[in-house]
Amino acid sequence: MSAADRRERGAAIVAEQVCRRHPPDIVAVDDVSLSIERGEFVVLTGPSGSGKTSLLSLIGGLDRPTSGRVLIDGTPLDEIPSDRYHREVVGFVFQHHNLLGHLPARGNVEIPLIGAGIGRRERRERAEALLREVGLGHRVNALSSTLSGGERQRVAVARALANDPRLLLADEPTGALDSESAERVLDLLEDARERRGATLLVVTYDPLLGDRADRLLHLRDGRLVDEPDRPYLRAATQQPQG
């Protein structure tokens, strides 16, 4: 998909003086304003505890700001019904994939399609096609609890793409993976942007993602800051998995 096509389909994000405070006196996001264009690939980075995941949750509609507002395609997020936003606009990839271990790979990918009211046969066909797309066509019936870390994350990417989102949000999608698995997941995320036109916003420490992005945003203490160029570091506590 061309850059012009991505700009046509992807979701545009604007945050206006967004704050998120938790009682008694924790400030997770502090007066953040930003704009992300349709089809853009933006990486959000910063030290642990800087508010990256909190900001992603506000943009993803998983939390609400204490003050300020988030707009999606010019519409305030709090005016968009939550179920419609999550069904038609946004998809998530989390660091720890959040799969249901008692379901096969296909069943996990089908979950958002059930919420969208897709019939059983179409759900099955679409889930299997997505798993083939992420290189897991041979694992459609495998319980997610039996998959490797890299395979589980690829299932999570397929699930995030199930409803063909215009905005794809990822929170440390490669943080628990070995380098080979991380590269494969990065390729899948970039492919989603290139082929589907999705706007891509990723929270990460991973230098591979920073190198691929159109733009980097840096958070510290809940605020956007200017940051000199320097290598990213994976968190010392992260244990890569295959």
Protein backbone atom coordinates (compact mmCIF):
# COMPACT_ATOMS: atom_id res chain seq x y z
CA MET A 1 0.00 0.00 0.00
CA SER A 2 1.39 3.41 -0.90
CA ALA A 3 2.01 6.20 1.60
CA ALA A 4 -0.96 8.05 0.11
CA ASP A 5 -3.23 5.05 0.64
CA ARG A 6 -2.03 4.65 4.24
CA ARG A 7 -2.88 8.29 4.88
CA GLU A 8 -6.34 7.62 3.48
CA ARG A 9 -7.14 4.59 5.63
CA GLY A 10 -5.15 4.87 8.87
CA ALA A 11 -6.56 6.59 11.95
CA ALA A 12 -5.30 10.05 12.93
CA ILE A 13 -4.53 10.63 16.62
CA VAL A 14 -4.46 13.90 18.52
CA ALA A 15 -3.90 14.27 22.26
CA GLU A 16 -4.63 17.68 23.77
CA GLN A 17 -3.08 18.44 27.18
CA VAL A 18 -3.81 14.93 28.40
CA CYS A 19 -3.26 14.14 32.07
CA ARG A 20 -3.85 10.95 34.01
CA ARG A 21 -3.59 11.06 37.80
CA HIS A 22 -4.17 8.24 40.26
CA PRO A 23 -4.96 8.85 43.91
CA PRO A 24 -3.51 9.92 46.15
CA ASP A 25 -0.82 11.80 44.19
CA ILE A 26 0.52 9.65 41.33
CA VAL A 27 0.84 11.47 37.99
CA ALA A 28 1.12 8.88 35.21
CA VAL A 29 0.65 11.24 32.24
CA ASP A 30 1.32 14.94 32.66
CA ASP A 31 0.01 17.48 30.13
CA VAL A 32 0.86 15.51 26.97
CA SER A 33 -0.07 16.95 23.58
CA LEU A 34 0.81 15.14 20.37
CA SER A 35 -0.37 14.46 16.85
CA ILE A 36 0.11 11.26 14.84
CA GLU A 37 -0.78 11.27 11.17
CA ARG A 38 -2.80 8.62 9.36
CA GLY A 39 -0.61 5.66 8.42
CA GLU A 40 2.37 6.88 10.44
CA PHE A 41 4.64 4.50 12.39
CA VAL A 42 5.58 6.10 15.72
CA VAL A 43 7.64 4.62 18.55
CA LEU A 44 7.07 5.83 22.10
CA THR A 45 10.06 5.26 24.38
CA GLY A 46 11.43 6.35 27.73
CA PRO A 47 12.55 4.98 31.10
CA SER A 48 10.51 2.45 33.02
CA GLY A 49 7.68 4.22 34.83
CA SER A 50 7.69 7.20 32.49
CA GLY A 51 4.01 6.81 31.54
CA LYS A 52 4.34 5.06 28.16
CA THR A 53 1.81 2.30 28.83
CA SER A 54 -0.54 4.75 30.55
CA LEU A 55 -0.54 6.99 27.49
CA LEU A 56 -1.07 4.01 25.19
CA SER A 57 -4.04 2.92 27.33
CA LEU A 58 -5.59 6.38 27.05
CA ILE A 59 -5.24 6.39 23.26
CA GLY A 60 -6.56 2.83 23.12
CA GLY A 61 -9.65 3.63 25.15
CA LEU A 62 -8.67 1.27 27.97
CA ASP A 63 -8.53 4.21 30.39
CA ARG A 64 -9.79 7.78 30.47
CA PRO A 65 -7.79 10.95 31.06
CA THR A 66 -8.24 12.93 34.25
CA SER A 67 -8.14 16.04 32.09
CA GLY A 68 -7.53 16.88 28.45
CA ARG A 69 -8.82 14.78 25.59
CA VAL A 70 -7.88 12.31 22.88
CA LEU A 71 -9.32 12.69 19.39
CA ILE A 72 -9.49 9.97 16.75
CA ASP A 73 -10.01 11.29 13.23
CA GLY A 74 -11.13 14.57 14.76
CA THR A 75 -13.75 13.02 17.06
CA PRO A 76 -13.24 13.07 20.84
CA LEU A 77 -12.65 9.52 21.99
CA ASP A 78 -15.19 9.82 24.79
CA GLU A 79 -17.86 10.46 22.14
CA ILE A 80 -17.14 7.19 20.32
CA PRO A 81 -18.94 4.17 21.78
CA SER A 82 -16.30 1.96 23.37
CA ASP A 83 -17.52 -1.26 21.77
CA ARG A 84 -17.52 0.30 18.30
CA TYR A 85 -14.05 1.80 18.81
CA HIS A 86 -12.58 -1.56 19.80
CA ARG A 87 -14.51 -3.43 17.14
CA GLU A 88 -13.91 -1.12 14.17
CA VAL A 89 -10.89 1.09 14.83
CA VAL A 90 -8.22 -0.19 17.21
CA GLY A 91 -6.29 -3.43 17.71
CA PHE A 92 -3.85 -4.25 20.54
CA VAL A 93 -0.69 -6.33 20.86
CA PHE A 94 0.53 -6.71 24.44
CA GLN A 95 3.95 -7.77 25.72
CA HIS A 96 2.60 -10.92 27.35
CA HIS A 97 0.13 -11.69 24.54
CA ASN A 98 -2.87 -12.31 26.88
CA LEU A 99 -3.95 -15.51 25.12
CA LEU A 100 -6.35 -18.02 26.64
CA GLY A 101 -4.26 -21.12 27.24
CA HIS A 102 -7.19 -23.56 27.04
CA LEU A 103 -8.09 -22.40 23.51
CA PRO A 104 -6.26 -23.31 20.30
CA ALA A 105 -4.53 -20.62 18.29
CA ARG A 106 -7.55 -20.32 15.99
CA GLY A 107 -9.93 -19.89 18.93
CA ASN A 108 -7.88 -17.03 20.33
CA VAL A 109 -7.89 -15.23 16.98
CA GLU A 110 -11.65 -15.72 16.70
CA ILE A 111 -12.42 -13.91 19.97
CA PRO A 112 -12.69 -10.36 18.55
CA LEU A 113 -14.68 -11.73 15.59
CA ILE A 114 -17.29 -13.14 17.98
CA GLY A 115 -17.71 -9.65 19.44
CA ALA A 116 -18.16 -8.31 15.93
CA GLY A 117 -21.03 -10.72 15.27
CA ILE A 118 -19.22 -12.72 12.58
CA GLY A 119 -20.73 -16.15 11.91
CA ARG A 120 -18.91 -19.33 12.94
CA ARG A 121 -17.80 -20.42 9.47
CA GLU A 122 -16.51 -16.98 8.49
CA ARG A 123 -14.75 -16.63 11.86
CA ARG A 124 -12.97 -19.93 11.33
CA GLU A 125 -11.92 -19.07 7.79
CA ARG A 126 -10.72 -15.60 8.71
CA ALA A 127 -8.79 -16.83 11.75
CA GLU A 128 -7.07 -19.56 9.76
CA ALA A 129 -6.16 -17.10 7.01
CA LEU A 130 -4.63 -14.73 9.56
CA LEU A 131 -2.64 -17.52 11.17
CA ARG A 132 -1.30 -18.49 7.76
CA GLU A 133 -0.41 -14.84 7.24
CA VAL A 134 1.75 -14.83 10.40
CA GLY A 135 3.36 -18.16 9.50
CA LEU A 136 1.33 -20.39 11.80
CA GLY A 137 -0.96 -22.16 9.38
CA HIS A 138 0.38 -25.47 10.70
CA ARG A 139 -0.50 -24.54 14.31
CA VAL A 140 -4.14 -23.48 14.02
CA ASN A 141 -5.33 -26.28 16.32
CA ALA A 142 -2.45 -26.12 18.82
CA LEU A 143 -3.39 -24.98 22.32
CA SER A 144 -1.78 -21.62 22.97
CA SER A 145 -0.26 -23.03 26.16
CA THR A 146 1.86 -25.37 24.00
CA LEU A 147 3.25 -22.63 21.74
CA SER A 148 6.64 -20.98 22.11
CA GLY A 149 6.87 -17.36 23.20
CA GLY A 150 7.46 -16.20 19.64
CA GLU A 151 4.55 -18.26 18.34
CA ARG A 152 2.22 -16.91 21.02
CA GLN A 153 3.14 -13.36 20.11
CA ARG A 154 2.45 -14.06 16.44
CA VAL A 155 -0.99 -15.40 17.43
CA ALA A 156 -1.47 -12.15 19.37
CA VAL A 157 -0.64 -10.15 16.23
CA ALA A 158 -3.13 -12.22 14.21
CA ARG A 159 -5.79 -11.60 16.87
CA ALA A 160 -5.08 -7.84 16.82
CA LEU A 161 -5.57 -7.84 13.04
CA ALA A 162 -8.79 -9.88 13.12
CA ASN A 163 -11.10 -6.89 12.68
CA ASP A 164 -8.72 -5.15 10.25
CA PRO A 165 -8.02 -2.17 12.55
CA ARG A 166 -7.08 1.27 11.28
CA LEU A 167 -5.00 1.87 14.44
CA LEU A 168 -2.64 -0.78 15.79
CA LEU A 169 -1.22 -0.27 19.29
CA ALA A 170 1.57 -2.45 20.66
CA ASP A 171 3.02 -2.41 24.18
CA GLU A 172 6.54 -3.90 24.29
CA PRO A 173 5.62 -6.49 21.63
CA THR A 174 9.20 -7.84 21.45
CA GLY A 175 10.27 -7.31 25.06
CA ALA A 176 10.09 -10.98 26.08
CA LEU A 177 11.37 -12.48 22.83
CA ASP A 178 14.72 -13.64 21.52
CA SER A 179 16.20 -11.63 18.65
CA GLU A 180 14.99 -13.96 15.88
CA SER A 181 11.41 -14.02 17.18
CA ALA A 182 11.52 -10.27 17.75
CA GLU A 183 12.54 -9.65 14.14
CA ARG A 184 9.65 -11.78 12.91
CA VAL A 185 7.12 -9.91 15.04
CA LEU A 186 8.52 -6.58 13.85
CA ASP A 187 8.15 -7.72 10.25
CA LEU A 188 4.51 -8.61 10.93
CA LEU A 189 3.76 -5.22 12.48
CA GLU A 190 5.39 -3.37 9.60
CA ASP A 191 3.57 -5.59 7.12
CA ALA A 192 0.26 -4.69 8.81
CA ARG A 193 1.08 -1.07 8.26
CA GLU A 194 2.25 -1.49 4.68
CA ARG A 195 -0.50 -3.81 3.44
CA ARG A 196 -3.44 -2.71 5.59
CA GLY A 197 -2.75 1.00 5.98
CA ALA A 198 -2.90 0.92 9.77
CA THR A 199 -1.45 3.71 11.88
CA LEU A 200 1.12 2.05 14.15
CA LEU A 201 2.01 3.26 17.66
CA VAL A 202 4.46 1.10 19.60
CA VAL A 203 5.81 1.37 23.15
CA THR A 204 9.26 -0.17 23.30
CA TYR A 205 12.84 -0.21 24.58
CA ASP A 206 13.87 -2.23 21.54
CA PRO A 207 16.41 -0.47 19.25
CA LEU A 208 15.19 -2.52 16.27
CA LEU A 209 11.80 -0.84 16.45
CA GLY A 210 13.31 2.59 16.93
CA ASP A 211 15.36 2.13 13.79
CA ARG A 212 12.28 1.25 11.72
CA ALA A 213 9.89 3.97 12.89
CA ASP A 214 9.02 7.18 11.05
CA ARG A 215 9.33 9.11 14.29
CA LEU A 216 10.33 8.68 17.95
CA LEU A 217 8.55 10.24 20.92
CA HIS A 218 10.27 10.28 24.32
CA LEU A 219 8.46 10.30 27.66
CA ARG A 220 9.99 11.04 31.05
CA ASP A 221 8.01 11.48 34.27
CA GLY A 222 4.79 11.50 32.26
CA ARG A 223 5.88 14.30 29.92
CA LEU A 224 7.08 14.40 26.34
CA VAL A 225 10.70 15.52 26.27
CA ASP A 226 13.50 16.11 23.78
CA GLU A 227 16.02 13.29 23.98
CA PRO A 228 19.53 13.13 22.51
CA ASP A 229 20.20 10.25 20.16
CA ARG A 230 21.46 7.24 22.09
CA PRO A 231 21.04 3.47 21.97
CA TYR A 232 17.95 2.01 23.54
CA LEU A 233 18.42 -0.62 26.20
CA ARG A 234 16.19 -3.56 26.88
CA ALA A 235 15.07 -3.59 30.52
CA ALA A 236 17.48 -5.62 32.60
CA THR A 237 14.66 -7.72 34.02
CA GLN A 238 13.36 -8.89 30.64
CA GLN A 239 14.03 -12.54 29.92
CA PRO A 240 13.85 -13.33 26.18
CA GLN A 241 11.85 -16.40 25.19
CA GLY A 242 11.88 -18.38 21.98
